PDB file of N, CA and C in Angstrom:
ATOM      1  N   MET A   1       0.839  -1.163   0.000  1.00  0.00           N
ATOM      2  CA  MET A   1       0.000   0.000   0.000  1.00  0.00           C
ATOM      3  C   MET A   1       0.891   1.236   0.000  1.00  0.00           C
ATOM      4  N   PRO A   2       0.510   2.259  -0.715  1.00  0.00           N
ATOM      5  CA  PRO A   2       1.334   3.458  -0.763  1.00  0.00           C
ATOM      6  C   PRO A   2       1.363   4.164   0.582  1.00  0.00           C
ATOM      7  N   ASN A   3       2.454   4.789   0.875  1.00  0.00           N
ATOM      8  CA  ASN A   3       2.581   5.567   2.091  1.00  0.00           C
ATOM      9  C   ASN A   3       2.506   7.039   1.713  1.00  0.00           C
ATOM     10  N   HIS A   4       1.382   7.669   2.004  1.00  0.00           N
ATOM     11  CA  HIS A   4       1.168   9.066   1.649  1.00  0.00           C
ATOM     12  C   HIS A   4       1.639   9.936   2.802  1.00  0.00           C
ATOM     13  N   THR A   5       2.665  10.728   2.558  1.00  0.00           N
ATOM     14  CA  THR A   5       3.218  11.558   3.616  1.00  0.00           C
ATOM     15  C   THR A   5       2.717  12.990   3.557  1.00  0.00           C
ATOM     16  N   THR A   6       2.055  13.374   2.487  1.00  0.00           N
ATOM     17  CA  THR A   6       1.537  14.733   2.386  1.00  0.00           C
ATOM     18  C   THR A   6       0.099  14.768   2.870  1.00  0.00           C
ATOM     19  N   THR A   7      -0.290  15.890   3.442  1.00  0.00           N
ATOM     20  CA  THR A   7      -1.660  16.070   3.900  1.00  0.00           C
ATOM     21  C   THR A   7      -2.467  16.660   2.753  1.00  0.00           C
ATOM     22  N   LYS A   8      -3.607  16.013   2.461  1.00  0.00           N
ATOM     23  CA  LYS A   8      -4.457  16.478   1.379  1.00  0.00           C
ATOM     24  C   LYS A   8      -5.726  17.085   1.946  1.00  0.00           C
ATOM     25  N   SER A   9      -6.252  18.032   1.227  1.00  0.00           N
ATOM     26  CA  SER A   9      -7.554  18.577   1.557  1.00  0.00           C
ATOM     27  C   SER A   9      -8.593  17.649   0.941  1.00  0.00           C
ATOM     28  N   ARG A  10      -9.452  17.076   1.760  1.00  0.00           N
ATOM     29  CA  ARG A  10     -10.427  16.099   1.283  1.00  0.00           C
ATOM     30  C   ARG A  10     -11.804  16.743   1.105  1.00  0.00           C
ATOM     31  N   ALA A  11     -12.528  16.198   0.157  1.00  0.00           N
ATOM     32  CA  ALA A  11     -13.893  16.659  -0.067  1.00  0.00           C
ATOM     33  C   ALA A  11     -14.727  16.367   1.181  1.00  0.00           C
ATOM     34  N   PRO A  12     -15.704  17.209   1.501  1.00  0.00           N
ATOM     35  CA  PRO A  12     -16.484  17.032   2.729  1.00  0.00           C
ATOM     36  C   PRO A  12     -17.198  15.691   2.831  1.00  0.00           C
ATOM     37  N   ARG A  13     -17.582  15.093   1.707  1.00  0.00           N
ATOM     38  CA  ARG A  13     -18.324  13.832   1.752  1.00  0.00           C
ATOM     39  C   ARG A  13     -17.446  12.633   1.426  1.00  0.00           C
ATOM     40  N   ASN A  14     -16.146  12.838   1.387  1.00  0.00           N
ATOM     41  CA  ASN A  14     -15.208  11.755   1.077  1.00  0.00           C
ATOM     42  C   ASN A  14     -15.248  10.703   2.179  1.00  0.00           C
ATOM     43  N   ARG A  15     -15.298   9.432   1.798  1.00  0.00           N
ATOM     44  CA  ARG A  15     -15.351   8.328   2.756  1.00  0.00           C
ATOM     45  C   ARG A  15     -14.047   7.527   2.773  1.00  0.00           C
ATOM     46  N   THR A  16     -12.973   8.104   2.287  1.00  0.00           N
ATOM     47  CA  THR A  16     -11.690   7.427   2.241  1.00  0.00           C
ATOM     48  C   THR A  16     -11.160   7.207   3.654  1.00  0.00           C
ATOM     49  N   LEU A  17     -10.691   5.993   3.928  1.00  0.00           N
ATOM     50  CA  LEU A  17     -10.099   5.670   5.221  1.00  0.00           C
ATOM     51  C   LEU A  17      -8.596   5.870   5.154  1.00  0.00           C
ATOM     52  N   THR A  18      -8.012   6.289   6.246  1.00  0.00           N
ATOM     53  CA  THR A  18      -6.573   6.432   6.335  1.00  0.00           C
ATOM     54  C   THR A  18      -6.064   5.452   7.388  1.00  0.00           C
ATOM     55  N   CYS A  19      -5.061   4.659   7.021  1.00  0.00           N
ATOM     56  CA  CYS A  19      -4.515   3.644   7.924  1.00  0.00           C
ATOM     57  C   CYS A  19      -3.144   4.049   8.432  1.00  0.00           C
ATOM     58  N   THR A  20      -2.857   3.650   9.656  1.00  0.00           N
ATOM     59  CA  THR A  20      -1.518   3.829  10.207  1.00  0.00           C
ATOM     60  C   THR A  20      -0.609   2.783   9.564  1.00  0.00           C
ATOM     61  N   PRO A  21       0.703   2.952   9.636  1.00  0.00           N
ATOM     62  CA  PRO A  21       1.604   1.917   9.108  1.00  0.00           C
ATOM     63  C   PRO A  21       1.358   0.539   9.728  1.00  0.00           C
ATOM     64  N   GLU A  22       1.021   0.502  11.009  1.00  0.00           N
ATOM     65  CA  GLU A  22       0.728  -0.768  11.671  1.00  0.00           C
ATOM     66  C   GLU A  22      -0.528  -1.420  11.090  1.00  0.00           C
ATOM     67  N   GLU A  23      -1.558  -0.606  10.844  1.00  0.00           N
ATOM     68  CA  GLU A  23      -2.786  -1.126  10.243  1.00  0.00           C
ATOM     69  C   GLU A  23      -2.529  -1.601   8.821  1.00  0.00           C
ATOM     70  N   GLN A  24      -1.718  -0.862   8.066  1.00  0.00           N
ATOM     71  CA  GLN A  24      -1.377  -1.274   6.708  1.00  0.00           C
ATOM     72  C   GLN A  24      -0.719  -2.640   6.715  1.00  0.00           C
ATOM     73  N   ALA A  25       0.226  -2.866   7.610  1.00  0.00           N
ATOM     74  CA  ALA A  25       0.912  -4.158   7.692  1.00  0.00           C
ATOM     75  C   ALA A  25      -0.076  -5.265   8.070  1.00  0.00           C
ATOM     76  N   ARG A  26      -0.956  -4.978   9.016  1.00  0.00           N
ATOM     77  CA  ARG A  26      -1.931  -5.978   9.480  1.00  0.00           C
ATOM     78  C   ARG A  26      -2.922  -6.362   8.383  1.00  0.00           C
ATOM     79  N   TYR A  27      -3.485  -5.373   7.714  1.00  0.00           N
ATOM     80  CA  TYR A  27      -4.516  -5.640   6.723  1.00  0.00           C
ATOM     81  C   TYR A  27      -3.962  -6.108   5.379  1.00  0.00           C
ATOM     82  N   SER A  28      -2.748  -5.729   5.041  1.00  0.00           N
ATOM     83  CA  SER A  28      -2.195  -6.126   3.743  1.00  0.00           C
ATOM     84  C   SER A  28      -2.036  -7.638   3.630  1.00  0.00           C
ATOM     85  N   ALA A  29      -1.906  -8.314   4.754  1.00  0.00           N
ATOM     86  CA  ALA A  29      -1.813  -9.778   4.739  1.00  0.00           C
ATOM     87  C   ALA A  29      -3.124 -10.428   4.296  1.00  0.00           C
ATOM     88  N   HIS A  30      -4.215  -9.679   4.308  1.00  0.00           N
ATOM     89  CA  HIS A  30      -5.539 -10.213   3.965  1.00  0.00           C
ATOM     90  C   HIS A  30      -6.074  -9.690   2.638  1.00  0.00           C
ATOM     91  N   LEU A  31      -5.252  -8.985   1.871  1.00  0.00           N
ATOM     92  CA  LEU A  31      -5.710  -8.422   0.597  1.00  0.00           C
ATOM     93  C   LEU A  31      -5.738  -9.482  -0.495  1.00  0.00           C
ATOM     94  N   LEU A  32      -6.835  -9.522  -1.226  1.00  0.00           N
ATOM     95  CA  LEU A  32      -6.972 -10.415  -2.378  1.00  0.00           C
ATOM     96  C   LEU A  32      -7.176  -9.575  -3.624  1.00  0.00           C
ATOM     97  N   ARG A  33      -6.531  -9.987  -4.694  1.00  0.00           N
ATOM     98  CA  ARG A  33      -6.758  -9.402  -6.020  1.00  0.00           C
ATOM     99  C   ARG A  33      -7.088 -10.570  -6.949  1.00  0.00           C
ATOM    100  N   PRO A  34      -8.345 -11.038  -6.888  1.00  0.00           N
ATOM    101  CA  PRO A  34      -8.714 -12.262  -7.613  1.00  0.00           C
ATOM    102  C   PRO A  34      -8.518 -12.169  -9.115  1.00  0.00           C
ATOM    103  N   SER A  35      -8.048 -13.278  -9.681  1.00  0.00           N
ATOM    104  CA  SER A  35      -7.936 -13.386 -11.137  1.00  0.00           C
ATOM    105  C   SER A  35      -8.653 -14.637 -11.626  1.00  0.00           C
ATOM    106  N   LYS A  36      -9.256 -15.389 -10.685  1.00  0.00           N
ATOM    107  CA  LYS A  36     -10.037 -16.574 -11.035  1.00  0.00           C
ATOM    108  C   LYS A  36     -11.221 -16.654 -10.082  1.00  0.00           C
ATOM    109  N   HIS A  37     -12.165 -17.541 -10.392  1.00  0.00           N
ATOM    110  CA  HIS A  37     -13.364 -17.705  -9.574  1.00  0.00           C
ATOM    111  C   HIS A  37     -12.979 -18.070  -8.140  1.00  0.00           C
ATOM    112  N   LEU A  38     -13.634 -17.438  -7.173  1.00  0.00           N
ATOM    113  CA  LEU A  38     -13.389 -17.710  -5.767  1.00  0.00           C
ATOM    114  C   LEU A  38     -14.673 -18.166  -5.091  1.00  0.00           C
ATOM    115  N   THR A  39     -14.529 -19.058  -4.144  1.00  0.00           N
ATOM    116  CA  THR A  39     -15.677 -19.522  -3.364  1.00  0.00           C
ATOM    117  C   THR A  39     -15.853 -18.607  -2.150  1.00  0.00           C
ATOM    118  N   THR A  40     -16.962 -18.775  -1.463  1.00  0.00           N
ATOM    119  CA  THR A  40     -17.205 -18.009  -0.247  1.00  0.00           C
ATOM    120  C   THR A  40     -16.103 -18.257   0.764  1.00  0.00           C
ATOM    121  N   GLU A  41     -15.655 -19.495   0.881  1.00  0.00           N
ATOM    122  CA  GLU A  41     -14.593 -19.835   1.824  1.00  0.00           C
ATOM    123  C   GLU A  41     -13.291 -19.098   1.490  1.00  0.00           C
ATOM    124  N   ASP A  42     -13.027 -18.893   0.187  1.00  0.00           N
ATOM    125  CA  ASP A  42     -11.830 -18.156  -0.227  1.00  0.00           C
ATOM    126  C   ASP A  42     -11.905 -16.689   0.213  1.00  0.00           C
ATOM    127  N   LEU A  43     -13.120 -16.156   0.261  1.00  0.00           N
ATOM    128  CA  LEU A  43     -13.306 -14.738   0.548  1.00  0.00           C
ATOM    129  C   LEU A  43     -13.387 -14.423   2.033  1.00  0.00           C
ATOM    130  N   LEU A  44     -13.854 -15.363   2.840  1.00  0.00           N
ATOM    131  CA  LEU A  44     -14.059 -15.108   4.260  1.00  0.00           C
ATOM    132  C   LEU A  44     -12.768 -14.682   4.949  1.00  0.00           C
ATOM    133  N   GLY A  45     -12.847 -13.600   5.704  1.00  0.00           N
ATOM    134  CA  GLY A  45     -11.710 -13.108   6.457  1.00  0.00           C
ATOM    135  C   GLY A  45     -10.692 -12.356   5.624  1.00  0.00           C
ATOM    136  N   ASN A  46     -11.013 -12.072   4.369  1.00  0.00           N
ATOM    137  CA  ASN A  46     -10.094 -11.372   3.493  1.00  0.00           C
ATOM    138  C   ASN A  46     -10.713 -10.082   2.984  1.00  0.00           C
ATOM    139  N   ILE A  47      -9.894  -9.247   2.366  1.00  0.00           N
ATOM    140  CA  ILE A  47     -10.324  -7.962   1.823  1.00  0.00           C
ATOM    141  C   ILE A  47     -10.064  -7.983   0.320  1.00  0.00           C
ATOM    142  N   ILE A  48     -11.103  -7.726  -0.463  1.00  0.00           N
ATOM    143  CA  ILE A  48     -10.926  -7.670  -1.905  1.00  0.00           C
ATOM    144  C   ILE A  48     -10.442  -6.266  -2.264  1.00  0.00           C
ATOM    145  N   CYS A  49      -9.314  -6.204  -2.921  1.00  0.00           N
ATOM    146  CA  CYS A  49      -8.708  -4.930  -3.316  1.00  0.00           C
ATOM    147  C   CYS A  49      -8.716  -4.888  -4.843  1.00  0.00           C
ATOM    148  N   GLN A  50      -9.873  -4.545  -5.397  1.00  0.00           N
ATOM    149  CA  GLN A  50     -10.050  -4.591  -6.838  1.00  0.00           C
ATOM    150  C   GLN A  50     -11.326  -3.842  -7.206  1.00  0.00           C
ATOM    151  N   ASP A  51     -11.415  -3.387  -8.434  1.00  0.00           N
ATOM    152  CA  ASP A  51     -12.638  -2.755  -8.898  1.00  0.00           C
ATOM    153  C   ASP A  51     -13.787  -3.751  -8.827  1.00  0.00           C
ATOM    154  N   PHE A  52     -14.951  -3.275  -8.413  1.00  0.00           N
ATOM    155  CA  PHE A  52     -16.130  -4.128  -8.288  1.00  0.00           C
ATOM    156  C   PHE A  52     -16.460  -4.826  -9.600  1.00  0.00           C
ATOM    157  N   GLU A  53     -16.346  -4.091 -10.713  1.00  0.00           N
ATOM    158  CA  GLU A  53     -16.696  -4.660 -12.013  1.00  0.00           C
ATOM    159  C   GLU A  53     -15.811  -5.849 -12.384  1.00  0.00           C
ATOM    160  N   VAL A  54     -14.600  -5.891 -11.869  1.00  0.00           N
ATOM    161  CA  VAL A  54     -13.681  -6.996 -12.134  1.00  0.00           C
ATOM    162  C   VAL A  54     -13.914  -8.123 -11.136  1.00  0.00           C
ATOM    163  N   ALA A  55     -14.093  -7.791  -9.858  1.00  0.00           N
ATOM    164  CA  ALA A  55     -14.198  -8.797  -8.800  1.00  0.00           C
ATOM    165  C   ALA A  55     -15.550  -9.511  -8.779  1.00  0.00           C
ATOM    166  N   TYR A  56     -16.634  -8.800  -9.041  1.00  0.00           N
ATOM    167  CA  TYR A  56     -17.967  -9.396  -8.917  1.00  0.00           C
ATOM    168  C   TYR A  56     -18.165 -10.646  -9.772  1.00  0.00           C
ATOM    169  N   PRO A  57     -17.788 -10.641 -11.047  1.00  0.00           N
ATOM    170  CA  PRO A  57     -17.987 -11.857 -11.840  1.00  0.00           C
ATOM    171  C   PRO A  57     -17.155 -13.047 -11.344  1.00  0.00           C
ATOM    172  N   LEU A  58     -16.120 -12.801 -10.557  1.00  0.00           N
ATOM    173  CA  LEU A  58     -15.282 -13.877 -10.041  1.00  0.00           C
ATOM    174  C   LEU A  58     -15.779 -14.423  -8.716  1.00  0.00           C
ATOM    175  N   SER A  59     -16.780 -13.773  -8.118  1.00  0.00           N
ATOM    176  CA  SER A  59     -17.296 -14.217  -6.831  1.00  0.00           C
ATOM    177  C   SER A  59     -18.413 -15.231  -7.046  1.00  0.00           C
ATOM    178  N   SER A  60     -18.740 -15.911  -5.974  1.00  0.00           N
ATOM    179  CA  SER A  60     -19.789 -16.914  -6.018  1.00  0.00           C
ATOM    180  C   SER A  60     -21.148 -16.232  -5.940  1.00  0.00           C
ATOM    181  N   PRO A  61     -21.924 -16.186  -7.019  1.00  0.00           N
ATOM    182  CA  PRO A  61     -23.181 -15.421  -7.042  1.00  0.00           C
ATOM    183  C   PRO A  61     -24.233 -15.947  -6.070  1.00  0.00           C
ATOM    184  N   MET A  62     -24.149 -17.190  -5.665  1.00  0.00           N
ATOM    185  CA  MET A  62     -25.130 -17.767  -4.751  1.00  0.00           C
ATOM    186  C   MET A  62     -25.011 -17.168  -3.343  1.00  0.00           C
ATOM    187  N   HIS A  63     -23.885 -16.538  -3.026  1.00  0.00           N
ATOM    188  CA  HIS A  63     -23.645 -16.094  -1.661  1.00  0.00           C
ATOM    189  C   HIS A  63     -23.517 -14.582  -1.515  1.00  0.00           C
ATOM    190  N   LEU A  64     -23.831 -13.831  -2.562  1.00  0.00           N
ATOM    191  CA  LEU A  64     -23.716 -12.371  -2.458  1.00  0.00           C
ATOM    192  C   LEU A  64     -25.057 -11.759  -2.179  1.00  0.00           C
TER     193      LEU A  64
END
């Protein structure tokens, strides 16, 4: 994950989360960037880091 050291002015309705370096290390271990079909078990406890339009067709439609 990129480390942004500059402070940005954010839009009032922006929902972007900012993580500490410790949080980045903790959560990066759970990031998935699927390139093939995944089951519900593959997804549980993980974070999908991908555009919805790319990830959705690879997910199990019975469980969404």
